[in-house]
Amino acid sequence: MLTRKALTNNSYHSIADLTDTIDTWAQNWNDNPQPLAWTQPANNIITKVKRGRAALTKTATDH
């Protein structure tokens, strides 16, 4: 959402430029919020989260 719309279509010459863009985006979003449109069904997201947690748990205990 933010990265697709505001970040990937621009180039930034400084951290200040990037920060200004993010601040402007956030202010516009706060002034005119839109509901989040999920791009995947909830079951797909939950399955990926569970897989990620399992991988992180295994990595954390295998050292």
N, C-alpha and C. Protein backbone atom coordinates (compact mmCIF):
# COMPACT_ATOMS: atom_id res chain seq x y z
N MET A 1 0.83 -1.16 0.00
CA MET A 1 0.00 0.00 0.00
C MET A 1 0.89 1.25 0.00
N LEU A 2 1.53 1.52 1.11
CA LEU A 2 2.42 2.68 1.15
C LEU A 2 3.59 2.50 0.20
N THR A 3 4.22 1.35 0.22
CA THR A 3 5.39 1.15 -0.62
C THR A 3 5.03 1.18 -2.09
N ARG A 4 3.91 0.60 -2.44
CA ARG A 4 3.51 0.59 -3.84
C ARG A 4 3.17 1.99 -4.34
N LYS A 5 2.47 2.75 -3.55
CA LYS A 5 1.97 4.03 -4.01
C LYS A 5 2.97 5.17 -3.86
N ALA A 6 3.67 5.21 -2.75
CA ALA A 6 4.48 6.39 -2.46
C ALA A 6 5.97 6.17 -2.59
N LEU A 7 6.43 4.97 -2.36
CA LEU A 7 7.87 4.77 -2.28
C LEU A 7 8.48 4.22 -3.56
N THR A 8 7.88 3.24 -4.19
CA THR A 8 8.51 2.58 -5.32
C THR A 8 8.50 3.42 -6.59
N ASN A 9 7.62 4.40 -6.67
CA ASN A 9 7.55 5.20 -7.89
C ASN A 9 8.40 6.46 -7.82
N ASN A 10 9.16 6.63 -6.76
CA ASN A 10 9.99 7.81 -6.58
C ASN A 10 11.42 7.41 -6.25
N SER A 11 12.32 8.35 -6.42
CA SER A 11 13.68 8.15 -5.92
C SER A 11 13.95 9.26 -4.92
N TYR A 12 14.75 8.93 -3.92
CA TYR A 12 15.01 9.87 -2.83
C TYR A 12 16.49 10.12 -2.73
N HIS A 13 16.85 11.38 -2.60
CA HIS A 13 18.25 11.77 -2.53
C HIS A 13 18.73 11.92 -1.10
N SER A 14 17.79 11.85 -0.16
CA SER A 14 18.17 11.96 1.24
C SER A 14 17.12 11.29 2.11
N ILE A 15 17.50 11.00 3.34
CA ILE A 15 16.56 10.45 4.30
C ILE A 15 15.45 11.47 4.58
N ALA A 16 15.79 12.74 4.59
CA ALA A 16 14.78 13.78 4.82
C ALA A 16 13.70 13.74 3.74
N ASP A 17 14.09 13.54 2.47
CA ASP A 17 13.10 13.44 1.39
C ASP A 17 12.17 12.25 1.60
N LEU A 18 12.75 11.13 1.96
CA LEU A 18 11.96 9.92 2.22
C LEU A 18 11.03 10.14 3.41
N THR A 19 11.55 10.71 4.47
CA THR A 19 10.74 10.98 5.66
C THR A 19 9.59 11.93 5.34
N ASP A 20 9.86 12.96 4.58
CA ASP A 20 8.81 13.90 4.18
C ASP A 20 7.71 13.21 3.39
N THR A 21 8.09 12.32 2.49
CA THR A 21 7.11 11.58 1.69
C THR A 21 6.25 10.70 2.58
N ILE A 22 6.87 10.00 3.52
CA ILE A 22 6.12 9.14 4.43
C ILE A 22 5.20 9.97 5.31
N ASP A 23 5.70 11.09 5.83
CA ASP A 23 4.87 11.96 6.67
C ASP A 23 3.67 12.50 5.89
N THR A 24 3.90 12.92 4.65
CA THR A 24 2.81 13.43 3.81
C THR A 24 1.78 12.35 3.55
N TRP A 25 2.26 11.14 3.23
CA TRP A 25 1.35 10.01 2.99
C TRP A 25 0.52 9.74 4.23
N ALA A 26 1.17 9.69 5.39
CA ALA A 26 0.46 9.39 6.64
C ALA A 26 -0.58 10.46 6.95
N GLN A 27 -0.24 11.71 6.75
CA GLN A 27 -1.19 12.80 7.00
C GLN A 27 -2.39 12.68 6.07
N ASN A 28 -2.14 12.42 4.80
CA ASN A 28 -3.25 12.25 3.84
C ASN A 28 -4.11 11.05 4.22
N TRP A 29 -3.46 9.96 4.64
CA TRP A 29 -4.21 8.77 5.04
C TRP A 29 -5.07 9.07 6.26
N ASN A 30 -4.50 9.80 7.23
CA ASN A 30 -5.26 10.13 8.43
C ASN A 30 -6.42 11.06 8.14
N ASP A 31 -6.24 11.95 7.17
CA ASP A 31 -7.31 12.89 6.79
C ASP A 31 -8.41 12.20 6.00
N ASN A 32 -8.07 11.14 5.27
CA ASN A 32 -9.03 10.45 4.41
C ASN A 32 -8.77 8.94 4.46
N PRO A 33 -9.05 8.30 5.60
CA PRO A 33 -8.74 6.87 5.72
C PRO A 33 -9.60 6.02 4.80
N GLN A 34 -9.02 4.94 4.35
CA GLN A 34 -9.72 3.98 3.49
C GLN A 34 -9.60 2.60 4.14
N PRO A 35 -10.61 1.76 3.98
CA PRO A 35 -10.51 0.42 4.54
C PRO A 35 -9.41 -0.36 3.82
N LEU A 36 -8.75 -1.23 4.57
CA LEU A 36 -7.71 -2.06 4.01
C LEU A 36 -8.34 -3.13 3.12
N ALA A 37 -7.85 -3.28 1.92
CA ALA A 37 -8.34 -4.31 1.00
C ALA A 37 -7.35 -5.46 1.01
N TRP A 38 -7.75 -6.58 1.58
CA TRP A 38 -6.88 -7.75 1.64
C TRP A 38 -6.68 -8.29 0.23
N THR A 39 -5.46 -8.68 -0.08
CA THR A 39 -5.18 -9.22 -1.42
C THR A 39 -5.16 -10.74 -1.41
N GLN A 40 -5.24 -11.34 -0.24
CA GLN A 40 -5.27 -12.79 -0.11
C GLN A 40 -6.42 -13.16 0.83
N PRO A 41 -6.98 -14.36 0.66
CA PRO A 41 -7.99 -14.81 1.63
C PRO A 41 -7.35 -14.99 3.01
N ALA A 42 -8.14 -14.80 4.05
CA ALA A 42 -7.63 -14.90 5.42
C ALA A 42 -6.96 -16.23 5.69
N ASN A 43 -7.48 -17.31 5.17
CA ASN A 43 -6.88 -18.64 5.40
C ASN A 43 -5.46 -18.71 4.87
N ASN A 44 -5.19 -18.10 3.72
CA ASN A 44 -3.83 -18.08 3.17
C ASN A 44 -2.88 -17.32 4.08
N ILE A 45 -3.34 -16.19 4.60
CA ILE A 45 -2.51 -15.37 5.47
C ILE A 45 -2.22 -16.12 6.77
N ILE A 46 -3.24 -16.74 7.36
CA ILE A 46 -3.06 -17.48 8.61
C ILE A 46 -2.11 -18.64 8.40
N THR A 47 -2.21 -19.35 7.29
CA THR A 47 -1.31 -20.47 7.00
C THR A 47 0.13 -19.98 6.90
N LYS A 48 0.37 -18.86 6.24
CA LYS A 48 1.73 -18.32 6.13
C LYS A 48 2.27 -17.87 7.47
N VAL A 49 1.42 -17.27 8.30
CA VAL A 49 1.86 -16.85 9.63
C VAL A 49 2.26 -18.07 10.47
N LYS A 50 1.45 -19.12 10.42
CA LYS A 50 1.76 -20.34 11.17
C LYS A 50 3.07 -20.96 10.69
N ARG A 51 3.27 -20.98 9.38
CA ARG A 51 4.51 -21.53 8.82
C ARG A 51 5.71 -20.68 9.25
N GLY A 52 5.56 -19.38 9.25
CA GLY A 52 6.64 -18.49 9.68
C GLY A 52 6.96 -18.66 11.15
N ARG A 53 5.93 -18.76 11.99
CA ARG A 53 6.15 -18.97 13.42
C ARG A 53 6.88 -20.27 13.67
N ALA A 54 6.46 -21.33 12.97
CA ALA A 54 7.11 -22.63 13.15
C ALA A 54 8.58 -22.55 12.76
N ALA A 55 8.88 -21.87 11.67
CA ALA A 55 10.28 -21.73 11.24
C ALA A 55 11.08 -20.92 12.25
N LEU A 56 10.51 -19.85 12.77
CA LEU A 56 11.22 -19.03 13.75
C LEU A 56 11.44 -19.78 15.06
N THR A 57 10.44 -20.53 15.47
CA THR A 57 10.57 -21.32 16.71
C THR A 57 11.66 -22.36 16.55
N LYS A 58 11.67 -23.04 15.41
CA LYS A 58 12.69 -24.05 15.16
C LYS A 58 14.07 -23.42 15.14
N THR A 59 14.21 -22.30 14.48
CA THR A 59 15.51 -21.59 14.39
C THR A 59 15.96 -21.15 15.78
N ALA A 60 15.04 -20.65 16.58
CA ALA A 60 15.39 -20.14 17.92
C ALA A 60 15.81 -21.26 18.85
N THR A 61 15.30 -22.46 18.65
CA THR A 61 15.64 -23.57 19.55
C THR A 61 16.74 -24.45 19.02
N ASP A 62 17.19 -24.24 17.80
CA ASP A 62 18.21 -25.10 17.19
C ASP A 62 19.61 -24.52 17.24
N HIS A 63 19.88 -23.60 18.11
CA HIS A 63 21.21 -23.00 18.13
C HIS A 63 22.03 -23.57 19.22
